[in-house]
Amino acid sequence: MTSTELKYRQRYVDLIMSDDSRRNFEIRSKFISYVRSFLDGRGYMEVETPVLNTISGGATARPFITHHNTLDIDMFLRIATELNLKRLIVGGIERVYEIGRIFRNEGMDATHNPEFTTIELYQAYTDYKGMMELAEGVIDHCCKAVNGGRTKITYQGSEIDLTAPFKRVTMNDAVREKTGVDFMSLTDEQARAEAKRLGVEVEDKTATAGKILPMVFDAFVEDTLIQPTFVIDYPVEISPLSKRKPDDPRLTERFELFIAGHEYANAFSELNDPIDQRGRFIQQAMERAKGDDEAMMIDETFCTALEYGMPPTGGIGLGIDRLVMLLTDSPTIRDVLLFPTMKPIDK
């Protein structure tokens, strides 16, 4: 099959013609099975939570909106499973996970599809350091299972070693290494000036140093992280569900895992202070009112759940599609989705 577009539109023909395509989807199926066995063996309980919600929360992303005719209300397709899963932690299910479809009304490119699959899991009485160890364990276990016991792979020409432990670096240190600028030591005005000098466009004239730091990270650092790297300690402004660092309340106990220049996981020590959480939601609502349609809404029912008491908890979300891309050496997410989103031919 020589037409790339046709193989996505007529996957059944692609599967007939291409052994490589069939192998990709066999690996995907096995990968999900291996993830389940890994977590089930560690006492995690798999659950299902609603796809339709009256509040869009759990991530900073633009949602899809639909309408429920009987209730006569607009509803949102979930952009994350996080808030419902943390309600279950409050309810006493101390290790819980869900493998499910997520929907985000965003752009499409080699690593983004409007609907995609993640696994989110939460564990009581641990933190983001525990989630780093768990991420290393999941990736090591699944990579060996589909790669003949090996943890070294080749992805798009780059040799990648998935052997634990992975490198750890703070976001601020990673940016300072590439630009020479210590953004978290600057005033907001100085940070905006340095971003301009570096050629990073900051449209918000009131943006704080904590908001500017990840923008500079995206521009100068992200695509240089080829070997597995945990980027840790994110600013509180972009981490509305993360617990603050005790020694620096401007930062949170959060990390993202980067491999081959892309993000594969997002995790943090979960914020379990209902007062702080409500304040973060209010700040997000203010951002939304100023035109940021990716900012979160205020979820009072979640704040109420936190008031009942959530133990110290670590949580992580792993992108299934991107991990399968990595293990199958696939250049685009469409190669690991049986039926990727396509524009209708008459458009």
C-alpha atoms as a PDB file:
ATOM      1  CA  MET A   1       0.000   0.000   0.000  1.00  0.00           C
ATOM      2  CA  THR A   2       1.793   3.117  -1.233  1.00  0.00           C
ATOM      3  CA  SER A   3      -0.668   5.821  -0.122  1.00  0.00           C
ATOM      4  CA  THR A   4      -0.025   6.800   3.491  1.00  0.00           C
ATOM      5  CA  GLU A   5      -3.376   8.537   3.781  1.00  0.00           C
ATOM      6  CA  LEU A   6      -5.240   5.589   2.308  1.00  0.00           C
ATOM      7  CA  LYS A   7      -3.788   3.165   4.832  1.00  0.00           C
ATOM      8  CA  TYR A   8      -5.272   5.292   7.652  1.00  0.00           C
ATOM      9  CA  ARG A   9      -8.647   5.598   5.929  1.00  0.00           C
ATOM     10  CA  GLN A  10      -8.825   1.938   4.925  1.00  0.00           C
ATOM     11  CA  ARG A  11      -7.032   0.225   7.792  1.00  0.00           C
ATOM     12  CA  TYR A  12      -8.547  -3.128   6.855  1.00  0.00           C
ATOM     13  CA  VAL A  13      -6.632  -3.050   3.557  1.00  0.00           C
ATOM     14  CA  ASP A  14      -3.486  -1.944   5.361  1.00  0.00           C
ATOM     15  CA  LEU A  15      -3.761  -4.903   7.732  1.00  0.00           C
ATOM     16  CA  ILE A  16      -4.182  -7.267   4.792  1.00  0.00           C
ATOM     17  CA  MET A  17      -1.168  -5.847   2.959  1.00  0.00           C
ATOM     18  CA  SER A  18       1.299  -4.929   5.719  1.00  0.00           C
ATOM     19  CA  ASP A  19       2.837  -7.325   8.225  1.00  0.00           C
ATOM     20  CA  ASP A  20       4.484  -4.345   9.962  1.00  0.00           C
ATOM     21  CA  SER A  21       1.135  -2.668  10.619  1.00  0.00           C
ATOM     22  CA  ARG A  22      -0.352  -5.860  11.992  1.00  0.00           C
ATOM     23  CA  ARG A  23       2.720  -6.263  14.227  1.00  0.00           C
ATOM     24  CA  ASN A  24       2.315  -2.713  15.573  1.00  0.00           C
ATOM     25  CA  PHE A  25      -1.207  -3.409  16.739  1.00  0.00           C
ATOM     26  CA  GLU A  26      -0.294  -6.790  18.179  1.00  0.00           C
ATOM     27  CA  ILE A  27       2.409  -5.045  20.221  1.00  0.00           C
ATOM     28  CA  ARG A  28      -0.104  -2.392  21.311  1.00  0.00           C
ATOM     29  CA  SER A  29      -2.497  -5.048  22.570  1.00  0.00           C
ATOM     30  CA  LYS A  30       0.269  -6.902  24.389  1.00  0.00           C
ATOM     31  CA  PHE A  31       1.620  -3.668  25.862  1.00  0.00           C
ATOM     32  CA  ILE A  32      -1.721  -2.831  27.488  1.00  0.00           C
ATOM     33  CA  SER A  33      -1.962  -6.395  28.780  1.00  0.00           C
ATOM     34  CA  TYR A  34       1.534  -6.155  30.280  1.00  0.00           C
ATOM     35  CA  VAL A  35       0.692  -2.829  31.972  1.00  0.00           C
ATOM     36  CA  ARG A  36      -2.399  -4.419  33.534  1.00  0.00           C
ATOM     37  CA  SER A  37      -0.478  -7.430  34.792  1.00  0.00           C
ATOM     38  CA  PHE A  38       2.238  -5.198  36.266  1.00  0.00           C
ATOM     39  CA  LEU A  39      -0.261  -3.082  38.227  1.00  0.00           C
ATOM     40  CA  ASP A  40      -2.603  -5.920  39.171  1.00  0.00           C
ATOM     41  CA  GLY A  41       0.388  -7.745  40.622  1.00  0.00           C
ATOM     42  CA  ARG A  42       1.073  -4.753  42.866  1.00  0.00           C
ATOM     43  CA  GLY A  43      -2.394  -4.555  44.317  1.00  0.00           C
ATOM     44  CA  TYR A  44      -3.907  -1.878  42.087  1.00  0.00           C
ATOM     45  CA  MET A  45      -7.630  -1.994  41.343  1.00  0.00           C
ATOM     46  CA  GLU A  46      -8.807  -1.208  37.802  1.00  0.00           C
ATOM     47  CA  VAL A  47     -11.958   0.941  37.549  1.00  0.00           C
ATOM     48  CA  GLU A  48     -14.028   2.808  34.986  1.00  0.00           C
ATOM     49  CA  THR A  49     -15.107   6.429  35.383  1.00  0.00           C
ATOM     50  CA  PRO A  50     -17.514   8.586  33.318  1.00  0.00           C
ATOM     51  CA  VAL A  51     -16.581   9.908  29.896  1.00  0.00           C
ATOM     52  CA  LEU A  52     -19.315  12.577  30.094  1.00  0.00           C
ATOM     53  CA  ASN A  53     -18.948  15.172  32.839  1.00  0.00           C
ATOM     54  CA  THR A  54     -20.620  18.432  33.840  1.00  0.00           C
ATOM     55  CA  ILE A  55     -17.212  19.947  34.708  1.00  0.00           C
ATOM     56  CA  SER A  56     -14.100  19.834  32.540  1.00  0.00           C
ATOM     57  CA  GLY A  57     -11.205  19.171  34.894  1.00  0.00           C
ATOM     58  CA  GLY A  58      -8.096  17.214  35.679  1.00  0.00           C
ATOM     59  CA  ALA A  59      -5.902  18.844  33.029  1.00  0.00           C
ATOM     60  CA  THR A  60      -5.323  22.108  31.217  1.00  0.00           C
ATOM     61  CA  ALA A  61      -6.859  21.400  27.828  1.00  0.00           C
ATOM     62  CA  ARG A  62      -9.698  22.538  25.583  1.00  0.00           C
ATOM     63  CA  PRO A  63     -12.644  20.115  25.917  1.00  0.00           C
ATOM     64  CA  PHE A  64     -15.191  18.796  23.457  1.00  0.00           C
ATOM     65  CA  ILE A  65     -18.716  19.910  24.346  1.00  0.00           C
ATOM     66  CA  THR A  66     -21.880  17.905  23.712  1.00  0.00           C
ATOM     67  CA  HIS A  67     -25.504  18.214  24.824  1.00  0.00           C
ATOM     68  CA  HIS A  68     -27.577  15.849  26.944  1.00  0.00           C
ATOM     69  CA  ASN A  69     -31.118  16.069  25.587  1.00  0.00           C
ATOM     70  CA  THR A  70     -32.990  14.562  28.540  1.00  0.00           C
ATOM     71  CA  LEU A  71     -31.265  16.697  31.171  1.00  0.00           C
ATOM     72  CA  ASP A  72     -31.059  19.622  28.744  1.00  0.00           C
ATOM     73  CA  ILE A  73     -27.527  20.493  29.798  1.00  0.00           C
ATOM     74  CA  ASP A  74     -24.201  20.795  28.038  1.00  0.00           C
ATOM     75  CA  MET A  75     -21.639  18.189  29.030  1.00  0.00           C
ATOM     76  CA  PHE A  76     -17.927  17.762  28.440  1.00  0.00           C
ATOM     77  CA  LEU A  77     -16.054  14.742  27.148  1.00  0.00           C
ATOM     78  CA  ARG A  78     -13.386  14.043  29.728  1.00  0.00           C
ATOM     79  CA  ILE A  79      -9.947  15.541  29.255  1.00  0.00           C
ATOM     80  CA  ALA A  80      -8.545  13.402  32.101  1.00  0.00           C
ATOM     81  CA  THR A  81      -9.648  10.751  34.565  1.00  0.00           C
ATOM     82  CA  GLU A  82      -7.784  12.351  37.464  1.00  0.00           C
ATOM     83  CA  LEU A  83     -10.430  13.942  39.659  1.00  0.00           C
ATOM     84  CA  ASN A  84     -12.732  10.915  39.735  1.00  0.00           C
ATOM     85  CA  LEU A  85      -9.853   8.577  40.525  1.00  0.00           C
ATOM     86  CA  LYS A  86      -8.721  10.777  43.414  1.00  0.00           C
ATOM     87  CA  ARG A  87     -12.268  10.694  44.782  1.00  0.00           C
ATOM     88  CA  LEU A  88     -11.779   6.926  45.019  1.00  0.00           C
ATOM     89  CA  ILE A  89      -8.575   7.452  47.001  1.00  0.00           C
ATOM     90  CA  VAL A  90     -10.680   9.530  49.421  1.00  0.00           C
ATOM     91  CA  GLY A  91     -13.113   6.599  49.543  1.00  0.00           C
ATOM     92  CA  GLY A  92     -10.404   4.236  50.720  1.00  0.00           C
ATOM     93  CA  ILE A  93      -9.330   2.505  47.476  1.00  0.00           C
ATOM     94  CA  GLU A  94      -5.648   3.106  48.106  1.00  0.00           C
ATOM     95  CA  ARG A  95      -4.298   1.852  44.748  1.00  0.00           C
ATOM     96  CA  VAL A  96      -6.447   2.551  41.717  1.00  0.00           C
ATOM     97  CA  TYR A  97      -5.991   2.902  37.961  1.00  0.00           C
ATOM     98  CA  GLU A  98      -7.918   3.354  34.745  1.00  0.00           C
ATOM     99  CA  ILE A  99      -6.921   2.708  31.149  1.00  0.00           C
ATOM    100  CA  GLY A 100      -9.237   4.816  29.067  1.00  0.00           C
ATOM    101  CA  ARG A 101      -9.917   7.123  26.195  1.00  0.00           C
ATOM    102  CA  ILE A 102      -9.303  10.858  26.660  1.00  0.00           C
ATOM    103  CA  PHE A 103     -10.691  13.616  24.430  1.00  0.00           C
ATOM    104  CA  ARG A 104      -9.039  17.010  23.869  1.00  0.00           C
ATOM    105  CA  ASN A 105     -10.163  19.537  21.298  1.00  0.00           C
ATOM    106  CA  GLU A 106      -6.676  20.504  20.239  1.00  0.00           C
ATOM    107  CA  GLY A 107      -4.342  20.455  17.270  1.00  0.00           C
ATOM    108  CA  MET A 108      -3.287  17.354  15.357  1.00  0.00           C
ATOM    109  CA  ASP A 109       0.284  16.411  14.533  1.00  0.00           C
ATOM    110  CA  ALA A 110       2.664  13.460  14.687  1.00  0.00           C
ATOM    111  CA  THR A 111       2.132  12.983  18.439  1.00  0.00           C
ATOM    112  CA  HIS A 112      -1.393  14.362  18.940  1.00  0.00           C
ATOM    113  CA  ASN A 113      -4.816  12.932  18.067  1.00  0.00           C
ATOM    114  CA  PRO A 114      -8.092  14.422  19.394  1.00  0.00           C
ATOM    115  CA  GLU A 115      -8.839  11.140  21.180  1.00  0.00           C
ATOM    116  CA  PHE A 116      -6.093   9.068  22.720  1.00  0.00           C
ATOM    117  CA  THR A 117      -5.478   6.461  25.402  1.00  0.00           C
ATOM    118  CA  THR A 118      -3.841   6.976  28.765  1.00  0.00           C
ATOM    119  CA  ILE A 119      -3.380   5.069  31.943  1.00  0.00           C
ATOM    120  CA  GLU A 120      -3.804   7.133  35.096  1.00  0.00           C
ATOM    121  CA  LEU A 121      -3.049   5.630  38.484  1.00  0.00           C
ATOM    122  CA  TYR A 122      -3.043   6.863  42.061  1.00  0.00           C
ATOM    123  CA  GLN A 123      -1.460   5.403  45.162  1.00  0.00           C
ATOM    124  CA  ALA A 124      -2.001   6.530  48.745  1.00  0.00           C
ATOM    125  CA  TYR A 125       0.953   7.136  51.072  1.00  0.00           C
ATOM    126  CA  THR A 126       3.539   7.873  48.403  1.00  0.00           C
ATOM    127  CA  ASP A 127       4.642  10.926  46.432  1.00  0.00           C
ATOM    128  CA  TYR A 128       6.121  11.960  43.091  1.00  0.00           C
ATOM    129  CA  LYS A 129       9.382  10.164  43.867  1.00  0.00           C
ATOM    130  CA  GLY A 130       7.399   6.953  44.270  1.00  0.00           C
ATOM    131  CA  MET A 131       5.773   7.663  40.902  1.00  0.00           C
ATOM    132  CA  MET A 132       9.207   7.997  39.273  1.00  0.00           C
ATOM    133  CA  GLU A 133      10.116   4.521  40.484  1.00  0.00           C
ATOM    134  CA  LEU A 134       6.765   3.175  39.300  1.00  0.00           C
ATOM    135  CA  ALA A 135       7.179   4.758  35.832  1.00  0.00           C
ATOM    136  CA  GLU A 136      10.618   3.191  35.524  1.00  0.00           C
ATOM    137  CA  GLY A 137       9.157  -0.157  36.573  1.00  0.00           C
ATOM    138  CA  VAL A 138       6.271  -0.047  34.089  1.00  0.00           C
ATOM    139  CA  ILE A 139       8.469   0.966  31.163  1.00  0.00           C
ATOM    140  CA  ASP A 140      11.183  -1.565  32.043  1.00  0.00           C
ATOM    141  CA  HIS A 141       8.635  -4.385  32.432  1.00  0.00           C
ATOM    142  CA  CYS A 142       6.757  -3.641  29.205  1.00  0.00           C
ATOM    143  CA  CYS A 143       9.843  -2.913  27.113  1.00  0.00           C
ATOM    144  CA  LYS A 144      11.463  -6.205  28.087  1.00  0.00           C
ATOM    145  CA  ALA A 145       8.215  -8.049  27.420  1.00  0.00           C
ATOM    146  CA  VAL A 146       7.877  -6.806  23.831  1.00  0.00           C
ATOM    147  CA  ASN A 147      11.596  -6.421  23.077  1.00  0.00           C
ATOM    148  CA  GLY A 148      12.962  -9.866  23.861  1.00  0.00           C
ATOM    149  CA  GLY A 149      14.159  -8.967  27.355  1.00  0.00           C
ATOM    150  CA  ARG A 150      16.121  -5.916  26.195  1.00  0.00           C
ATOM    151  CA  THR A 151      15.751  -2.296  27.370  1.00  0.00           C
ATOM    152  CA  LYS A 152      17.773  -0.706  24.593  1.00  0.00           C
ATOM    153  CA  ILE A 153      15.844   0.336  21.498  1.00  0.00           C
ATOM    154  CA  THR A 154      16.232   2.429  18.370  1.00  0.00           C
ATOM    155  CA  TYR A 155      13.682   5.161  17.755  1.00  0.00           C
ATOM    156  CA  GLN A 156      13.815   7.088  14.481  1.00  0.00           C
ATOM    157  CA  GLY A 157      17.558   6.599  14.224  1.00  0.00           C
ATOM    158  CA  SER A 158      18.403   7.395  17.855  1.00  0.00           C
ATOM    159  CA  GLU A 159      19.725   4.739  20.226  1.00  0.00           C
ATOM    160  CA  ILE A 160      17.719   4.959  23.463  1.00  0.00           C
ATOM    161  CA  ASP A 161      18.486   3.171  26.712  1.00  0.00           C
ATOM    162  CA  LEU A 162      15.366   2.579  28.819  1.00  0.00           C
ATOM    163  CA  THR A 163      17.332   1.002  31.655  1.00  0.00           C
ATOM    164  CA  ALA A 164      16.431   2.441  35.073  1.00  0.00           C
ATOM    165  CA  PRO A 165      17.181   4.723  36.810  1.00  0.00           C
ATOM    166  CA  PHE A 166      16.391   7.614  34.487  1.00  0.00           C
ATOM    167  CA  LYS A 167      18.102  10.993  34.670  1.00  0.00           C
ATOM    168  CA  ARG A 168      16.490  13.639  36.925  1.00  0.00           C
ATOM    169  CA  VAL A 169      16.815  17.406  36.435  1.00  0.00           C
ATOM    170  CA  THR A 170      14.775  20.382  37.635  1.00  0.00           C
ATOM    171  CA  MET A 171      13.024  22.437  34.981  1.00  0.00           C
ATOM    172  CA  ASN A 172      14.889  25.554  36.081  1.00  0.00           C
ATOM    173  CA  ASP A 173      18.286  23.832  35.916  1.00  0.00           C
ATOM    174  CA  ALA A 174      17.518  22.376  32.485  1.00  0.00           C
ATOM    175  CA  VAL A 175      16.643  25.842  31.173  1.00  0.00           C
ATOM    176  CA  ARG A 176      19.668  27.430  32.828  1.00  0.00           C
ATOM    177  CA  GLU A 177      21.958  24.845  31.229  1.00  0.00           C
ATOM    178  CA  LYS A 178      20.656  25.709  27.743  1.00  0.00           C
ATOM    179  CA  THR A 179      20.183  29.485  28.078  1.00  0.00           C
ATOM    180  CA  GLY A 180      22.398  30.578  30.961  1.00  0.00           C
ATOM    181  CA  VAL A 181      19.374  32.215  32.638  1.00  0.00           C
ATOM    182  CA  ASP A 182      18.127  31.343  36.136  1.00  0.00           C
ATOM    183  CA  PHE A 183      14.485  32.301  35.650  1.00  0.00           C
ATOM    184  CA  MET A 184      13.364  31.453  39.183  1.00  0.00           C
ATOM    185  CA  SER A 185      15.786  34.033  40.574  1.00  0.00           C
ATOM    186  CA  LEU A 186      14.283  36.825  38.442  1.00  0.00           C
ATOM    187  CA  THR A 187      11.402  39.184  39.033  1.00  0.00           C
ATOM    188  CA  ASP A 188       8.434  38.765  36.721  1.00  0.00           C
ATOM    189  CA  GLU A 189       9.464  41.861  34.751  1.00  0.00           C
ATOM    190  CA  GLN A 190      13.026  40.585  34.383  1.00  0.00           C
ATOM    191  CA  ALA A 191      11.744  37.174  33.268  1.00  0.00           C
ATOM    192  CA  ARG A 192       9.606  38.768  30.561  1.00  0.00           C
ATOM    193  CA  ALA A 193      12.613  40.773  29.362  1.00  0.00           C
ATOM    194  CA  GLU A 194      14.853  37.689  29.247  1.00  0.00           C
ATOM    195  CA  ALA A 195      12.226  35.725  27.323  1.00  0.00           C
ATOM    196  CA  LYS A 196      12.042  38.521  24.767  1.00  0.00           C
ATOM    197  CA  ARG A 197      15.832  38.561  24.471  1.00  0.00           C
ATOM    198  CA  LEU A 198      15.790  34.805  23.849  1.00  0.00           C
ATOM    199  CA  GLY A 199      13.111  35.163  21.159  1.00  0.00           C
ATOM    200  CA  VAL A 200      10.322  33.523  23.178  1.00  0.00           C
ATOM    201  CA  GLU A 201       7.063  35.350  22.554  1.00  0.00           C
ATOM    202  CA  VAL A 202       5.050  36.068  25.699  1.00  0.00           C
ATOM    203  CA  GLU A 203       1.655  37.486  24.803  1.00  0.00           C
ATOM    204  CA  ASP A 204       0.490  37.955  28.405  1.00  0.00           C
ATOM    205  CA  LYS A 205       2.092  41.203  29.580  1.00  0.00           C
ATOM    206  CA  THR A 206       1.510  40.195  33.211  1.00  0.00           C
ATOM    207  CA  ALA A 207       3.007  36.699  32.893  1.00  0.00           C
ATOM    208  CA  THR A 208       4.986  35.590  35.924  1.00  0.00           C
ATOM    209  CA  ALA A 209       8.422  34.000  35.934  1.00  0.00           C
ATOM    210  CA  GLY A 210       6.712  30.709  36.782  1.00  0.00           C
ATOM    211  CA  LYS A 211       4.637  30.912  33.606  1.00  0.00           C
ATOM    212  CA  ILE A 212       7.537  31.988  31.438  1.00  0.00           C
ATOM    213  CA  LEU A 213       9.932  29.249  32.583  1.00  0.00           C
ATOM    214  CA  PRO A 214       7.991  26.377  30.901  1.00  0.00           C
ATOM    215  CA  MET A 215       7.648  28.444  27.716  1.00  0.00           C
ATOM    216  CA  VAL A 216      11.435  28.784  27.530  1.00  0.00           C
ATOM    217  CA  PHE A 217      11.765  25.092  28.394  1.00  0.00           C
ATOM    218  CA  ASP A 218       9.521  24.187  25.444  1.00  0.00           C
ATOM    219  CA  ALA A 219      11.562  26.371  23.103  1.00  0.00           C
ATOM    220  CA  PHE A 220      15.087  25.394  24.174  1.00  0.00           C
ATOM    221  CA  VAL A 221      15.069  22.109  26.070  1.00  0.00           C
ATOM    222  CA  GLU A 222      12.237  19.673  25.284  1.00  0.00           C
ATOM    223  CA  ASP A 223      13.381  18.401  21.888  1.00  0.00           C
ATOM    224  CA  THR A 224      16.947  17.920  23.160  1.00  0.00           C
ATOM    225  CA  LEU A 225      15.937  15.321  25.770  1.00  0.00           C
ATOM    226  CA  ILE A 226      16.594  12.110  23.842  1.00  0.00           C
ATOM    227  CA  GLN A 227      17.469   9.713  26.688  1.00  0.00           C
ATOM    228  CA  PRO A 228      14.765   9.159  29.365  1.00  0.00           C
ATOM    229  CA  THR A 229      14.713  12.197  31.651  1.00  0.00           C
ATOM    230  CA  PHE A 230      12.468  13.169  34.551  1.00  0.00           C
ATOM    231  CA  VAL A 231      12.061  16.945  34.501  1.00  0.00           C
ATOM    232  CA  ILE A 232      11.007  17.847  38.046  1.00  0.00           C
ATOM    233  CA  ASP A 233       9.827  20.775  40.204  1.00  0.00           C
ATOM    234  CA  TYR A 234       7.354  22.659  38.009  1.00  0.00           C
ATOM    235  CA  PRO A 235       6.097  26.175  38.869  1.00  0.00           C
ATOM    236  CA  VAL A 236       2.835  26.304  40.801  1.00  0.00           C
ATOM    237  CA  GLU A 237       1.207  28.521  38.153  1.00  0.00           C
ATOM    238  CA  ILE A 238       1.090  25.644  35.645  1.00  0.00           C
ATOM    239  CA  SER A 239       0.444  22.882  38.189  1.00  0.00           C
ATOM    240  CA  PRO A 240      -3.006  23.483  39.704  1.00  0.00           C
ATOM    241  CA  LEU A 241      -3.362  19.949  41.111  1.00  0.00           C
ATOM    242  CA  SER A 242       0.157  19.460  42.494  1.00  0.00           C
ATOM    243  CA  LYS A 243       1.389  19.772  46.071  1.00  0.00           C
ATOM    244  CA  ARG A 244       3.814  22.619  46.740  1.00  0.00           C
ATOM    245  CA  LYS A 245       7.437  21.905  47.638  1.00  0.00           C
ATOM    246  CA  PRO A 246       7.881  22.507  51.372  1.00  0.00           C
ATOM    247  CA  ASP A 247      11.190  24.344  50.870  1.00  0.00           C
ATOM    248  CA  ASP A 248      10.008  26.501  47.942  1.00  0.00           C
ATOM    249  CA  PRO A 249       6.243  27.143  47.649  1.00  0.00           C
ATOM    250  CA  ARG A 250       6.729  28.693  44.194  1.00  0.00           C
ATOM    251  CA  LEU A 251       7.371  25.173  42.888  1.00  0.00           C
ATOM    252  CA  THR A 252       5.471  21.897  43.051  1.00  0.00           C
ATOM    253  CA  GLU A 253       6.384  18.238  43.485  1.00  0.00           C
ATOM    254  CA  ARG A 254       5.697  17.419  39.864  1.00  0.00           C
ATOM    255  CA  PHE A 255       7.572  15.791  37.001  1.00  0.00           C
ATOM    256  CA  GLU A 256       7.154  14.983  33.348  1.00  0.00           C
ATOM    257  CA  LEU A 257       9.043  12.179  31.627  1.00  0.00           C
ATOM    258  CA  PHE A 258      10.671  13.028  28.315  1.00  0.00           C
ATOM    259  CA  ILE A 259      12.096  10.551  25.815  1.00  0.00           C
ATOM    260  CA  ALA A 260      13.157  11.250  22.225  1.00  0.00           C
ATOM    261  CA  GLY A 261      12.126  14.885  22.586  1.00  0.00           C
ATOM    262  CA  HIS A 262       8.526  14.154  23.608  1.00  0.00           C
ATOM    263  CA  GLU A 263       6.543  13.939  26.843  1.00  0.00           C
ATOM    264  CA  TYR A 264       5.445  10.442  27.904  1.00  0.00           C
ATOM    265  CA  ALA A 265       4.219  10.913  31.466  1.00  0.00           C
ATOM    266  CA  ASN A 266       2.988  13.577  33.859  1.00  0.00           C
ATOM    267  CA  ALA A 267       2.957  12.994  37.613  1.00  0.00           C
ATOM    268  CA  PHE A 268       2.922  14.710  40.968  1.00  0.00           C
ATOM    269  CA  SER A 269       2.473  14.532  44.676  1.00  0.00           C
ATOM    270  CA  GLU A 270      -1.253  15.183  44.701  1.00  0.00           C
ATOM    271  CA  LEU A 271      -2.546  18.357  46.292  1.00  0.00           C
ATOM    272  CA  ASN A 272      -4.759  17.244  49.191  1.00  0.00           C
ATOM    273  CA  ASP A 273      -5.357  20.569  50.923  1.00  0.00           C
ATOM    274  CA  PRO A 274      -8.959  21.592  50.061  1.00  0.00           C
ATOM    275  CA  ILE A 275      -8.335  25.274  50.841  1.00  0.00           C
ATOM    276  CA  ASP A 276      -5.266  25.482  48.620  1.00  0.00           C
ATOM    277  CA  GLN A 277      -7.052  23.448  45.922  1.00  0.00           C
ATOM    278  CA  ARG A 278     -10.066  25.756  45.870  1.00  0.00           C
ATOM    279  CA  GLY A 279      -7.730  28.739  45.600  1.00  0.00           C
ATOM    280  CA  ARG A 280      -5.941  27.137  42.638  1.00  0.00           C
ATOM    281  CA  PHE A 281      -9.285  26.457  40.949  1.00  0.00           C
ATOM    282  CA  ILE A 282     -10.295  30.099  41.462  1.00  0.00           C
ATOM    283  CA  GLN A 283      -7.023  31.244  39.890  1.00  0.00           C
ATOM    284  CA  GLN A 284      -7.674  28.909  36.939  1.00  0.00           C
ATOM    285  CA  ALA A 285     -11.214  30.302  36.609  1.00  0.00           C
ATOM    286  CA  MET A 286      -9.775  33.820  36.464  1.00  0.00           C
ATOM    287  CA  GLU A 287      -7.442  32.724  33.673  1.00  0.00           C
ATOM    288  CA  ARG A 288     -10.417  31.183  31.882  1.00  0.00           C
ATOM    289  CA  ALA A 289     -12.382  34.423  32.230  1.00  0.00           C
ATOM    290  CA  LYS A 290      -9.480  36.267  30.576  1.00  0.00           C
ATOM    291  CA  GLY A 291      -9.799  34.008  27.523  1.00  0.00           C
ATOM    292  CA  ASP A 292      -7.714  30.922  28.323  1.00  0.00           C
ATOM    293  CA  ASP A 293     -10.121  28.181  27.204  1.00  0.00           C
ATOM    294  CA  GLU A 294      -7.673  25.492  28.382  1.00  0.00           C
ATOM    295  CA  ALA A 295      -7.801  26.638  32.018  1.00  0.00           C
ATOM    296  CA  MET A 296      -9.712  24.491  34.515  1.00  0.00           C
ATOM    297  CA  MET A 297     -13.171  25.118  35.893  1.00  0.00           C
ATOM    298  CA  ILE A 298     -13.973  25.237  39.603  1.00  0.00           C
ATOM    299  CA  ASP A 299     -14.950  21.737  40.728  1.00  0.00           C
ATOM    300  CA  GLU A 300     -16.670  22.218  44.079  1.00  0.00           C
ATOM    301  CA  THR A 301     -17.612  18.539  44.350  1.00  0.00           C
ATOM    302  CA  PHE A 302     -13.934  17.605  44.202  1.00  0.00           C
ATOM    303  CA  CYS A 303     -13.081  20.208  46.848  1.00  0.00           C
ATOM    304  CA  THR A 304     -15.818  18.723  49.032  1.00  0.00           C
ATOM    305  CA  ALA A 305     -14.255  15.274  48.606  1.00  0.00           C
ATOM    306  CA  LEU A 306     -10.891  16.655  49.735  1.00  0.00           C
ATOM    307  CA  GLU A 307     -12.568  18.067  52.851  1.00  0.00           C
ATOM    308  CA  TYR A 308     -13.385  14.508  53.894  1.00  0.00           C
ATOM    309  CA  GLY A 309      -9.656  13.836  53.802  1.00  0.00           C
ATOM    310  CA  MET A 310      -7.337  12.474  51.101  1.00  0.00           C
ATOM    311  CA  PRO A 311      -4.128  10.865  52.372  1.00  0.00           C
ATOM    312  CA  PRO A 312      -0.755  11.860  50.921  1.00  0.00           C
ATOM    313  CA  THR A 313      -0.976  10.477  47.395  1.00  0.00           C
ATOM    314  CA  GLY A 314       1.178  10.073  44.317  1.00  0.00           C
ATOM    315  CA  GLY A 315      -0.403  10.028  40.867  1.00  0.00           C
ATOM    316  CA  ILE A 316       0.766   9.602  37.295  1.00  0.00           C
ATOM    317  CA  GLY A 317      -0.620   9.587  33.771  1.00  0.00           C
ATOM    318  CA  LEU A 318       1.201   7.649  31.038  1.00  0.00           C
ATOM    319  CA  GLY A 319       0.488   8.055  27.328  1.00  0.00           C
ATOM    320  CA  ILE A 320      -0.212   4.594  25.913  1.00  0.00           C
ATOM    321  CA  ASP A 321      -0.109   5.696  22.275  1.00  0.00           C
ATOM    322  CA  ARG A 322       3.253   7.437  22.551  1.00  0.00           C
ATOM    323  CA  LEU A 323       4.836   4.545  24.438  1.00  0.00           C
ATOM    324  CA  VAL A 324       3.657   2.151  21.739  1.00  0.00           C
ATOM    325  CA  MET A 325       5.079   4.546  19.119  1.00  0.00           C
ATOM    326  CA  LEU A 326       8.395   4.371  20.944  1.00  0.00           C
ATOM    327  CA  LEU A 327       8.467   0.569  21.148  1.00  0.00           C
ATOM    328  CA  THR A 328       7.422   0.087  17.509  1.00  0.00           C
ATOM    329  CA  ASP A 329       9.657   2.838  16.089  1.00  0.00           C
ATOM    330  CA  SER A 330       6.589   4.561  14.630  1.00  0.00           C
ATOM    331  CA  PRO A 331       7.073   8.189  13.474  1.00  0.00           C
ATOM    332  CA  THR A 332       3.440   9.208  13.887  1.00  0.00           C
ATOM    333  CA  ILE A 333       0.640   8.453  16.321  1.00  0.00           C
ATOM    334  CA  ARG A 334      -1.553   7.439  13.376  1.00  0.00           C
ATOM    335  CA  ASP A 335       0.593   4.338  12.923  1.00  0.00           C
ATOM    336  CA  VAL A 336      -0.488   3.008  16.335  1.00  0.00           C
ATOM    337  CA  LEU A 337      -4.184   3.982  16.214  1.00  0.00           C
ATOM    338  CA  LEU A 338      -6.361   1.585  14.275  1.00  0.00           C
ATOM    339  CA  PHE A 339      -8.744   4.359  13.253  1.00  0.00           C
ATOM    340  CA  PRO A 340      -7.104   7.787  13.642  1.00  0.00           C
ATOM    341  CA  THR A 341      -9.171  10.944  13.260  1.00  0.00           C
ATOM    342  CA  MET A 342      -9.266  11.997   9.587  1.00  0.00           C
ATOM    343  CA  LYS A 343     -10.773  14.939   7.799  1.00  0.00           C
ATOM    344  CA  PRO A 344     -13.734  13.801   5.626  1.00  0.00           C
ATOM    345  CA  ILE A 345     -12.711  13.473   1.985  1.00  0.00           C
ATOM    346  CA  ASP A 346     -15.357  15.973   0.830  1.00  0.00           C
ATOM    347  CA  LYS A 347     -13.693  18.613   3.054  1.00  0.00           C
END
